[in-house]
Amino acid sequence: MELPCRDRGDELLRAGEMIDLRLRLRKTAAKHDLTTVIVSALDPCTRMLPFIYLDKTIAPAGARAIGAAMADIGCHKTRIVLQQWNRNFKPSHMRLDGRIPDILMVSSIYINSSQCEALVRDTCRIDPSHRPLIIAGGPEMWFAPWSVFSSDVNDPWGVDIAVTGEEYVLLSLLEVLLSVRAGNEPIRSAFQRARDSGALDGIPGLIYARTDAKGVPVELVDTGIQRLLGELDELPHPVLGYSLLNRQANSPHWLRRPSLPIGSAKVRGSRRSL
């Protein structure tokens, strides 16, 4: 299946645009005390050779890259939970820094869609006044973003927004949400106001639902095809993501200290020249 692309000449971001966004967010994010959990969904039934055993030692690139982007802008209260390491993890039980995280991000490929749905459903059990903003990403969102939204009035589970792009799209979303957030307002409330005002429509690579009074999606809004990053040196250094990996645990709720102490890894190269 071939995905659509932007018009010729409009496929890439302007040179330096990713760096500019990262610098702006570093100034903005410092004013907000956000806690974030990034989960890489895994259905154990999809484990296969030759990756059995290796899959418990290798961190998926998607969740790691998003974690690196969050750490780069100063959101160090972030944990990456790999379900191959934390099979019993349940979002409804999670606590980070002693509270329910502000944002839950779920990364999934389509063969793990059942587990992605289970994670989102479990998060939706949290009282709406305390529920984190649910963001879905990964290859499943590129090809079937509608799969994480329910249209059943009797079963209104679903994510708040799906990201069909990469780090730049997510960081652009956060920039808008933080710009409209008032004080310690829940980030999910800021998202709802930004969504209803159309503030998200200028960010290509997002899909969100317009809902009825009961929160059931009545239509999905697609903001268009993302622009790709042409200069990969503008990305945050990947080692930042590895510093956020949650240690292996059997508990459904305990977010343990990262496998590497945050900030302990030495980062070298042009990406750290910022």
C-alpha atoms as a PDB file:
ATOM      1  CA  MET A   1       0.000   0.000   0.000  1.00  0.00           C
ATOM      2  CA  GLU A   2       1.542   3.300  -1.082  1.00  0.00           C
ATOM      3  CA  LEU A   3       0.867   6.372   1.025  1.00  0.00           C
ATOM      4  CA  PRO A   4       0.043   9.689  -0.677  1.00  0.00           C
ATOM      5  CA  CYS A   5       2.750  12.352  -0.796  1.00  0.00           C
ATOM      6  CA  ARG A   6       2.858  16.127  -0.941  1.00  0.00           C
ATOM      7  CA  ASP A   7       3.217  18.078  -4.182  1.00  0.00           C
ATOM      8  CA  ARG A   8       6.647  18.108  -5.780  1.00  0.00           C
ATOM      9  CA  GLY A   9       8.790  20.817  -4.220  1.00  0.00           C
ATOM     10  CA  ASP A  10       6.747  20.819  -1.008  1.00  0.00           C
ATOM     11  CA  GLU A  11       7.858  17.474   0.431  1.00  0.00           C
ATOM     12  CA  LEU A  12      10.509  18.701   2.882  1.00  0.00           C
ATOM     13  CA  LEU A  13      10.743  21.056   5.816  1.00  0.00           C
ATOM     14  CA  ARG A  14      12.759  24.222   5.385  1.00  0.00           C
ATOM     15  CA  ALA A  15      16.405  23.745   6.412  1.00  0.00           C
ATOM     16  CA  GLY A  16      16.773  24.627  10.090  1.00  0.00           C
ATOM     17  CA  GLU A  17      13.030  24.467  10.803  1.00  0.00           C
ATOM     18  CA  MET A  18      13.375  21.502  13.166  1.00  0.00           C
ATOM     19  CA  ILE A  19      16.172  23.222  15.082  1.00  0.00           C
ATOM     20  CA  ASP A  20      14.124  26.406  15.411  1.00  0.00           C
ATOM     21  CA  LEU A  21      11.166  24.437  16.766  1.00  0.00           C
ATOM     22  CA  ARG A  22      13.349  22.634  19.317  1.00  0.00           C
ATOM     23  CA  LEU A  23      14.824  25.923  20.541  1.00  0.00           C
ATOM     24  CA  ARG A  24      11.397  27.544  20.907  1.00  0.00           C
ATOM     25  CA  LEU A  25      10.056  24.589  22.855  1.00  0.00           C
ATOM     26  CA  ARG A  26      13.002  24.559  25.229  1.00  0.00           C
ATOM     27  CA  LYS A  27      11.968  28.033  26.344  1.00  0.00           C
ATOM     28  CA  THR A  28       8.275  27.172  26.542  1.00  0.00           C
ATOM     29  CA  ALA A  29       8.423  23.690  28.102  1.00  0.00           C
ATOM     30  CA  ALA A  30      10.476  25.009  31.035  1.00  0.00           C
ATOM     31  CA  LYS A  31       7.346  26.827  32.242  1.00  0.00           C
ATOM     32  CA  HIS A  32       5.299  23.614  32.335  1.00  0.00           C
ATOM     33  CA  ASP A  33       5.722  20.644  34.641  1.00  0.00           C
ATOM     34  CA  LEU A  34       4.640  17.914  32.237  1.00  0.00           C
ATOM     35  CA  THR A  35       4.848  14.197  32.943  1.00  0.00           C
ATOM     36  CA  THR A  36       4.725  11.844  29.962  1.00  0.00           C
ATOM     37  CA  VAL A  37       4.618   8.089  29.462  1.00  0.00           C
ATOM     38  CA  ILE A  38       5.423   6.606  26.043  1.00  0.00           C
ATOM     39  CA  VAL A  39       4.342   3.000  25.531  1.00  0.00           C
ATOM     40  CA  SER A  40       5.505   0.752  22.718  1.00  0.00           C
ATOM     41  CA  ALA A  41       2.623  -1.696  22.254  1.00  0.00           C
ATOM     42  CA  LEU A  42       3.400  -5.381  21.800  1.00  0.00           C
ATOM     43  CA  ASP A  43       1.053  -8.328  21.431  1.00  0.00           C
ATOM     44  CA  PRO A  44       3.062 -11.359  22.681  1.00  0.00           C
ATOM     45  CA  CYS A  45       1.410 -13.493  19.987  1.00  0.00           C
ATOM     46  CA  THR A  46       3.275 -11.523  17.318  1.00  0.00           C
ATOM     47  CA  ARG A  47       6.748 -12.420  18.584  1.00  0.00           C
ATOM     48  CA  MET A  48       8.551 -14.392  15.896  1.00  0.00           C
ATOM     49  CA  LEU A  49      11.921 -15.708  14.838  1.00  0.00           C
ATOM     50  CA  PRO A  50      14.623 -14.541  14.357  1.00  0.00           C
ATOM     51  CA  PHE A  51      13.720 -11.755  16.812  1.00  0.00           C
ATOM     52  CA  ILE A  52      12.661 -13.845  19.823  1.00  0.00           C
ATOM     53  CA  TYR A  53      15.156 -13.043  22.610  1.00  0.00           C
ATOM     54  CA  LEU A  54      16.570 -10.114  20.630  1.00  0.00           C
ATOM     55  CA  ASP A  55      13.267  -8.238  20.938  1.00  0.00           C
ATOM     56  CA  LYS A  56      13.798  -8.078  24.705  1.00  0.00           C
ATOM     57  CA  THR A  57      17.142  -6.337  24.340  1.00  0.00           C
ATOM     58  CA  ILE A  58      16.453  -3.870  21.519  1.00  0.00           C
ATOM     59  CA  ALA A  59      14.395  -0.708  22.027  1.00  0.00           C
ATOM     60  CA  PRO A  60      11.998   0.051  19.135  1.00  0.00           C
ATOM     61  CA  ALA A  61      13.152   3.129  17.257  1.00  0.00           C
ATOM     62  CA  GLY A  62       9.798   4.938  17.253  1.00  0.00           C
ATOM     63  CA  ALA A  63       9.240   5.150  20.999  1.00  0.00           C
ATOM     64  CA  ARG A  64      12.925   5.865  21.572  1.00  0.00           C
ATOM     65  CA  ALA A  65      12.932   8.724  19.036  1.00  0.00           C
ATOM     66  CA  ILE A  66       9.849  10.348  20.565  1.00  0.00           C
ATOM     67  CA  GLY A  67      11.378  10.014  24.024  1.00  0.00           C
ATOM     68  CA  ALA A  68      14.558  11.701  22.777  1.00  0.00           C
ATOM     69  CA  ALA A  69      12.507  14.585  21.383  1.00  0.00           C
ATOM     70  CA  MET A  70      10.718  15.052  24.715  1.00  0.00           C
ATOM     71  CA  ALA A  71      13.957  14.992  26.711  1.00  0.00           C
ATOM     72  CA  ASP A  72      15.589  17.388  24.250  1.00  0.00           C
ATOM     73  CA  ILE A  73      12.987  20.110  24.898  1.00  0.00           C
ATOM     74  CA  GLY A  74      13.298  19.694  28.656  1.00  0.00           C
ATOM     75  CA  CYS A  75      10.472  17.256  29.475  1.00  0.00           C
ATOM     76  CA  HIS A  76      12.664  14.953  31.547  1.00  0.00           C
ATOM     77  CA  LYS A  77       9.719  13.566  33.536  1.00  0.00           C
ATOM     78  CA  THR A  78       9.203  11.085  30.726  1.00  0.00           C
ATOM     79  CA  ARG A  79       9.360   7.296  30.750  1.00  0.00           C
ATOM     80  CA  ILE A  80       9.410   4.881  27.828  1.00  0.00           C
ATOM     81  CA  VAL A  81       7.590   1.634  28.616  1.00  0.00           C
ATOM     82  CA  LEU A  82       8.307  -1.300  26.308  1.00  0.00           C
ATOM     83  CA  GLN A  83       5.634  -3.972  26.619  1.00  0.00           C
ATOM     84  CA  GLN A  84       8.147  -6.710  25.865  1.00  0.00           C
ATOM     85  CA  TRP A  85       9.818  -5.648  29.134  1.00  0.00           C
ATOM     86  CA  ASN A  86       6.681  -4.639  31.049  1.00  0.00           C
ATOM     87  CA  ARG A  87       3.983  -7.045  29.884  1.00  0.00           C
ATOM     88  CA  ASN A  88       1.636  -6.341  32.820  1.00  0.00           C
ATOM     89  CA  PHE A  89       1.754  -2.559  32.535  1.00  0.00           C
ATOM     90  CA  LYS A  90      -1.680  -0.894  32.788  1.00  0.00           C
ATOM     91  CA  PRO A  91      -2.118   2.823  32.103  1.00  0.00           C
ATOM     92  CA  SER A  92      -5.031   3.064  34.546  1.00  0.00           C
ATOM     93  CA  HIS A  93      -2.590   2.208  37.368  1.00  0.00           C
ATOM     94  CA  MET A  94       0.373   4.305  36.263  1.00  0.00           C
ATOM     95  CA  ARG A  95       1.889   7.049  38.380  1.00  0.00           C
ATOM     96  CA  LEU A  96       4.878   9.223  37.557  1.00  0.00           C
ATOM     97  CA  ASP A  97       6.261  11.777  39.977  1.00  0.00           C
ATOM     98  CA  GLY A  98       3.437  10.698  42.295  1.00  0.00           C
ATOM     99  CA  ARG A  99       0.606  11.564  39.908  1.00  0.00           C
ATOM    100  CA  ILE A 100      -1.252  10.418  36.831  1.00  0.00           C
ATOM    101  CA  PRO A 101       0.854  11.512  33.836  1.00  0.00           C
ATOM    102  CA  ASP A 102      -0.321  14.469  31.774  1.00  0.00           C
ATOM    103  CA  ILE A 103       0.247  12.700  28.456  1.00  0.00           C
ATOM    104  CA  LEU A 104       0.157   9.063  27.371  1.00  0.00           C
ATOM    105  CA  MET A 105       1.630   8.263  23.970  1.00  0.00           C
ATOM    106  CA  VAL A 106       1.119   4.844  22.392  1.00  0.00           C
ATOM    107  CA  SER A 107       3.271   3.667  19.485  1.00  0.00           C
ATOM    108  CA  SER A 108       2.044   0.664  17.519  1.00  0.00           C
ATOM    109  CA  ILE A 109       2.439  -1.298  14.322  1.00  0.00           C
ATOM    110  CA  TYR A 110      -0.695  -2.861  12.865  1.00  0.00           C
ATOM    111  CA  ILE A 111       0.003  -6.442  13.976  1.00  0.00           C
ATOM    112  CA  ASN A 112      -0.040  -5.111  17.546  1.00  0.00           C
ATOM    113  CA  SER A 113      -3.289  -3.193  17.084  1.00  0.00           C
ATOM    114  CA  SER A 114      -5.196  -5.350  19.581  1.00  0.00           C
ATOM    115  CA  GLN A 115      -2.731  -4.460  22.314  1.00  0.00           C
ATOM    116  CA  CYS A 116      -2.778  -0.800  21.291  1.00  0.00           C
ATOM    117  CA  GLU A 117      -6.561  -0.839  21.638  1.00  0.00           C
ATOM    118  CA  ALA A 118      -6.304  -2.524  25.045  1.00  0.00           C
ATOM    119  CA  LEU A 119      -3.934   0.202  26.274  1.00  0.00           C
ATOM    120  CA  VAL A 120      -6.221   2.980  25.042  1.00  0.00           C
ATOM    121  CA  ARG A 121      -9.323   1.326  26.496  1.00  0.00           C
ATOM    122  CA  ASP A 122      -7.621   0.943  29.858  1.00  0.00           C
ATOM    123  CA  THR A 123      -6.598   4.616  29.844  1.00  0.00           C
ATOM    124  CA  CYS A 124     -10.190   5.621  29.104  1.00  0.00           C
ATOM    125  CA  ARG A 125     -11.208   4.016  32.406  1.00  0.00           C
ATOM    126  CA  ILE A 126      -9.482   6.873  34.227  1.00  0.00           C
ATOM    127  CA  ASP A 127     -11.881   9.561  35.438  1.00  0.00           C
ATOM    128  CA  PRO A 128     -12.170  12.212  32.675  1.00  0.00           C
ATOM    129  CA  SER A 129     -11.129  14.972  35.071  1.00  0.00           C
ATOM    130  CA  HIS A 130      -7.758  13.237  35.570  1.00  0.00           C
ATOM    131  CA  ARG A 131      -7.358  11.382  32.277  1.00  0.00           C
ATOM    132  CA  PRO A 132      -4.140  12.077  30.382  1.00  0.00           C
ATOM    133  CA  LEU A 133      -4.097  13.335  26.839  1.00  0.00           C
ATOM    134  CA  ILE A 134      -3.875  10.188  24.684  1.00  0.00           C
ATOM    135  CA  ILE A 135      -1.721  10.453  21.557  1.00  0.00           C
ATOM    136  CA  ALA A 136      -1.264   7.516  19.187  1.00  0.00           C
ATOM    137  CA  GLY A 137       1.570   7.159  16.692  1.00  0.00           C
ATOM    138  CA  GLY A 138       3.632   4.640  14.770  1.00  0.00           C
ATOM    139  CA  PRO A 139       3.065   2.767  11.494  1.00  0.00           C
ATOM    140  CA  GLU A 140      -0.472   1.758  12.464  1.00  0.00           C
ATOM    141  CA  MET A 141      -1.433   5.464  12.401  1.00  0.00           C
ATOM    142  CA  TRP A 142       0.191   5.956   9.009  1.00  0.00           C
ATOM    143  CA  PHE A 143      -1.954   3.279   7.373  1.00  0.00           C
ATOM    144  CA  ALA A 144      -5.088   2.944   9.547  1.00  0.00           C
ATOM    145  CA  PRO A 145      -5.484   5.900  11.933  1.00  0.00           C
ATOM    146  CA  TRP A 146      -9.234   5.320  12.214  1.00  0.00           C
ATOM    147  CA  SER A 147      -8.513   2.102  14.124  1.00  0.00           C
ATOM    148  CA  VAL A 148      -7.888   4.022  17.365  1.00  0.00           C
ATOM    149  CA  PHE A 149     -11.210   5.881  17.324  1.00  0.00           C
ATOM    150  CA  SER A 150     -14.510   4.286  18.308  1.00  0.00           C
ATOM    151  CA  SER A 151     -17.775   5.253  16.625  1.00  0.00           C
ATOM    152  CA  ASP A 152     -19.937   3.104  18.917  1.00  0.00           C
ATOM    153  CA  VAL A 153     -22.138   5.310  21.092  1.00  0.00           C
ATOM    154  CA  ASN A 154     -22.280   2.521  23.669  1.00  0.00           C
ATOM    155  CA  ASP A 155     -18.507   2.044  23.707  1.00  0.00           C
ATOM    156  CA  PRO A 156     -16.888   5.491  23.292  1.00  0.00           C
ATOM    157  CA  TRP A 157     -13.215   4.598  23.777  1.00  0.00           C
ATOM    158  CA  GLY A 158     -10.493   6.171  21.669  1.00  0.00           C
ATOM    159  CA  VAL A 159      -7.412   8.358  21.563  1.00  0.00           C
ATOM    160  CA  ASP A 160      -7.609  12.141  21.585  1.00  0.00           C
ATOM    161  CA  ILE A 161      -5.369  12.561  18.564  1.00  0.00           C
ATOM    162  CA  ALA A 162      -3.357  10.428  16.160  1.00  0.00           C
ATOM    163  CA  VAL A 163      -0.012  11.558  14.759  1.00  0.00           C
ATOM    164  CA  THR A 164       0.583  10.324  11.217  1.00  0.00           C
ATOM    165  CA  GLY A 165       3.994  11.964  11.028  1.00  0.00           C
ATOM    166  CA  GLU A 166       7.251  11.951  12.959  1.00  0.00           C
ATOM    167  CA  GLU A 167       8.981  14.022  15.666  1.00  0.00           C
ATOM    168  CA  TYR A 168       8.417  17.380  13.993  1.00  0.00           C
ATOM    169  CA  VAL A 169       4.651  16.838  13.884  1.00  0.00           C
ATOM    170  CA  LEU A 170       4.467  15.868  17.559  1.00  0.00           C
ATOM    171  CA  LEU A 171       6.615  18.817  18.663  1.00  0.00           C
ATOM    172  CA  SER A 172       4.491  21.190  16.572  1.00  0.00           C
ATOM    173  CA  LEU A 173       1.408  19.829  18.317  1.00  0.00           C
ATOM    174  CA  LEU A 174       2.984  20.366  21.737  1.00  0.00           C
ATOM    175  CA  GLU A 175       3.979  23.908  20.838  1.00  0.00           C
ATOM    176  CA  VAL A 176       0.374  24.799  20.054  1.00  0.00           C
ATOM    177  CA  LEU A 177      -0.981  23.093  23.180  1.00  0.00           C
ATOM    178  CA  LEU A 178       1.517  24.765  25.492  1.00  0.00           C
ATOM    179  CA  SER A 179       0.850  28.150  23.906  1.00  0.00           C
ATOM    180  CA  VAL A 180      -2.863  27.953  24.775  1.00  0.00           C
ATOM    181  CA  ARG A 181      -2.503  26.194  28.130  1.00  0.00           C
ATOM    182  CA  ALA A 182      -3.521  28.373  31.068  1.00  0.00           C
ATOM    183  CA  GLY A 183      -1.428  27.891  34.202  1.00  0.00           C
ATOM    184  CA  ASN A 184      -1.754  24.353  35.544  1.00  0.00           C
ATOM    185  CA  GLU A 185      -4.714  23.549  33.316  1.00  0.00           C
ATOM    186  CA  PRO A 186      -4.843  19.852  32.311  1.00  0.00           C
ATOM    187  CA  ILE A 187      -3.120  19.475  28.969  1.00  0.00           C
ATOM    188  CA  ARG A 188      -6.115  17.478  27.707  1.00  0.00           C
ATOM    189  CA  SER A 189      -8.351  20.475  28.384  1.00  0.00           C
ATOM    190  CA  ALA A 190      -5.941  22.705  26.456  1.00  0.00           C
ATOM    191  CA  PHE A 191      -6.067  20.203  23.585  1.00  0.00           C
ATOM    192  CA  GLN A 192      -9.865  20.293  23.485  1.00  0.00           C
ATOM    193  CA  ARG A 193      -9.878  24.091  23.253  1.00  0.00           C
ATOM    194  CA  ALA A 194      -7.194  24.087  20.568  1.00  0.00           C
ATOM    195  CA  ARG A 195      -9.090  21.421  18.626  1.00  0.00           C
ATOM    196  CA  ASP A 196     -12.413  23.253  18.800  1.00  0.00           C
ATOM    197  CA  SER A 197     -10.853  26.576  17.772  1.00  0.00           C
ATOM    198  CA  GLY A 198      -9.140  25.072  14.706  1.00  0.00           C
ATOM    199  CA  ALA A 199      -5.658  25.822  16.057  1.00  0.00           C
ATOM    200  CA  LEU A 200      -4.467  22.328  15.098  1.00  0.00           C
ATOM    201  CA  ASP A 201      -5.545  22.472  11.480  1.00  0.00           C
ATOM    202  CA  GLY A 202      -2.331  24.158  10.354  1.00  0.00           C
ATOM    203  CA  ILE A 203      -0.166  21.221  11.469  1.00  0.00           C
ATOM    204  CA  PRO A 204       0.011  18.602   8.679  1.00  0.00           C
ATOM    205  CA  GLY A 205       0.198  15.043   9.986  1.00  0.00           C
ATOM    206  CA  LEU A 206      -2.592  14.974  12.580  1.00  0.00           C
ATOM    207  CA  ILE A 207      -5.955  13.223  12.775  1.00  0.00           C
ATOM    208  CA  TYR A 208      -8.444  14.049  15.487  1.00  0.00           C
ATOM    209  CA  ALA A 209     -12.137  13.450  16.099  1.00  0.00           C
ATOM    210  CA  ARG A 210     -14.967  15.921  16.326  1.00  0.00           C
ATOM    211  CA  THR A 211     -17.237  14.492  19.005  1.00  0.00           C
ATOM    212  CA  ASP A 212     -20.820  14.789  20.167  1.00  0.00           C
ATOM    213  CA  ALA A 213     -21.897  15.816  23.669  1.00  0.00           C
ATOM    214  CA  LYS A 214     -21.095  12.322  24.984  1.00  0.00           C
ATOM    215  CA  GLY A 215     -17.587  12.308  23.529  1.00  0.00           C
ATOM    216  CA  VAL A 216     -18.400   9.885  20.701  1.00  0.00           C
ATOM    217  CA  PRO A 217     -16.578  10.737  17.424  1.00  0.00           C
ATOM    218  CA  VAL A 218     -18.916  11.910  14.679  1.00  0.00           C
ATOM    219  CA  GLU A 219     -16.191  12.640  12.126  1.00  0.00           C
ATOM    220  CA  LEU A 220     -12.412  12.512  11.790  1.00  0.00           C
ATOM    221  CA  VAL A 221     -10.408  15.537  10.710  1.00  0.00           C
ATOM    222  CA  ASP A 222      -7.219  14.908   8.711  1.00  0.00           C
ATOM    223  CA  THR A 223      -4.884  17.918   8.635  1.00  0.00           C
ATOM    224  CA  GLY A 224      -2.946  16.577   5.649  1.00  0.00           C
ATOM    225  CA  ILE A 225       0.353  14.910   4.806  1.00  0.00           C
ATOM    226  CA  GLN A 226       3.401  15.735   6.900  1.00  0.00           C
ATOM    227  CA  ARG A 227       6.473  17.445   5.534  1.00  0.00           C
ATOM    228  CA  LEU A 228       9.573  15.284   5.931  1.00  0.00           C
ATOM    229  CA  LEU A 229      12.810  16.273   7.579  1.00  0.00           C
ATOM    230  CA  GLY A 230      15.547  16.454   4.952  1.00  0.00           C
ATOM    231  CA  GLU A 231      18.535  17.038   7.238  1.00  0.00           C
ATOM    232  CA  LEU A 232      18.715  14.237   9.796  1.00  0.00           C
ATOM    233  CA  ASP A 233      21.390  16.043  11.836  1.00  0.00           C
ATOM    234  CA  GLU A 234      18.581  18.323  13.035  1.00  0.00           C
ATOM    235  CA  LEU A 235      17.064  15.464  15.038  1.00  0.00           C
ATOM    236  CA  PRO A 236      17.667  15.171  18.801  1.00  0.00           C
ATOM    237  CA  HIS A 237      20.425  12.723  19.660  1.00  0.00           C
ATOM    238  CA  PRO A 238      19.008   9.168  20.050  1.00  0.00           C
ATOM    239  CA  VAL A 239      20.917   8.496  23.266  1.00  0.00           C
ATOM    240  CA  LEU A 240      18.483  10.815  25.061  1.00  0.00           C
ATOM    241  CA  GLY A 241      15.723   8.295  24.368  1.00  0.00           C
ATOM    242  CA  TYR A 242      17.714   5.384  25.767  1.00  0.00           C
ATOM    243  CA  SER A 243      18.114   7.290  29.033  1.00  0.00           C
ATOM    244  CA  LEU A 244      14.317   7.198  29.517  1.00  0.00           C
ATOM    245  CA  LEU A 245      13.729   3.453  29.120  1.00  0.00           C
ATOM    246  CA  ASN A 246      11.686   2.033  31.988  1.00  0.00           C
ATOM    247  CA  ARG A 247      13.398  -0.944  33.607  1.00  0.00           C
ATOM    248  CA  GLN A 248      11.920  -4.402  33.310  1.00  0.00           C
ATOM    249  CA  ALA A 249       9.151  -5.002  35.847  1.00  0.00           C
ATOM    250  CA  ASN A 250       6.121  -7.226  36.393  1.00  0.00           C
ATOM    251  CA  SER A 251       4.039  -4.609  38.193  1.00  0.00           C
ATOM    252  CA  PRO A 252       1.010  -3.153  36.351  1.00  0.00           C
ATOM    253  CA  HIS A 253       1.679   0.352  37.656  1.00  0.00           C
ATOM    254  CA  TRP A 254       5.192   0.854  38.980  1.00  0.00           C
ATOM    255  CA  LEU A 255       7.174   3.159  36.686  1.00  0.00           C
ATOM    256  CA  ARG A 256      10.700   2.323  37.743  1.00  0.00           C
ATOM    257  CA  ARG A 257      13.769   4.496  37.411  1.00  0.00           C
ATOM    258  CA  PRO A 258      15.210   4.556  33.876  1.00  0.00           C
ATOM    259  CA  SER A 259      17.743   1.963  32.812  1.00  0.00           C
ATOM    260  CA  LEU A 260      20.283   4.813  32.455  1.00  0.00           C
ATOM    261  CA  PRO A 261      20.253   7.848  34.765  1.00  0.00           C
ATOM    262  CA  ILE A 262      18.899  10.824  32.841  1.00  0.00           C
ATOM    263  CA  GLY A 263      21.769  12.964  31.627  1.00  0.00           C
ATOM    264  CA  SER A 264      24.391  10.326  32.398  1.00  0.00           C
ATOM    265  CA  ALA A 265      25.149   9.373  28.801  1.00  0.00           C
ATOM    266  CA  LYS A 266      27.773  11.416  27.024  1.00  0.00           C
ATOM    267  CA  VAL A 267      26.490  12.863  23.776  1.00  0.00           C
ATOM    268  CA  ARG A 268      28.918  13.782  21.024  1.00  0.00           C
ATOM    269  CA  GLY A 269      28.581  15.078  17.508  1.00  0.00           C
ATOM    270  CA  SER A 270      26.948  17.903  15.614  1.00  0.00           C
ATOM    271  CA  ARG A 271      23.451  17.183  16.947  1.00  0.00           C
ATOM    272  CA  ARG A 272      24.519  18.463  20.367  1.00  0.00           C
ATOM    273  CA  SER A 273      25.870  21.705  18.965  1.00  0.00           C
ATOM    274  CA  LEU A 274      22.583  23.390  19.783  1.00  0.00           C
END
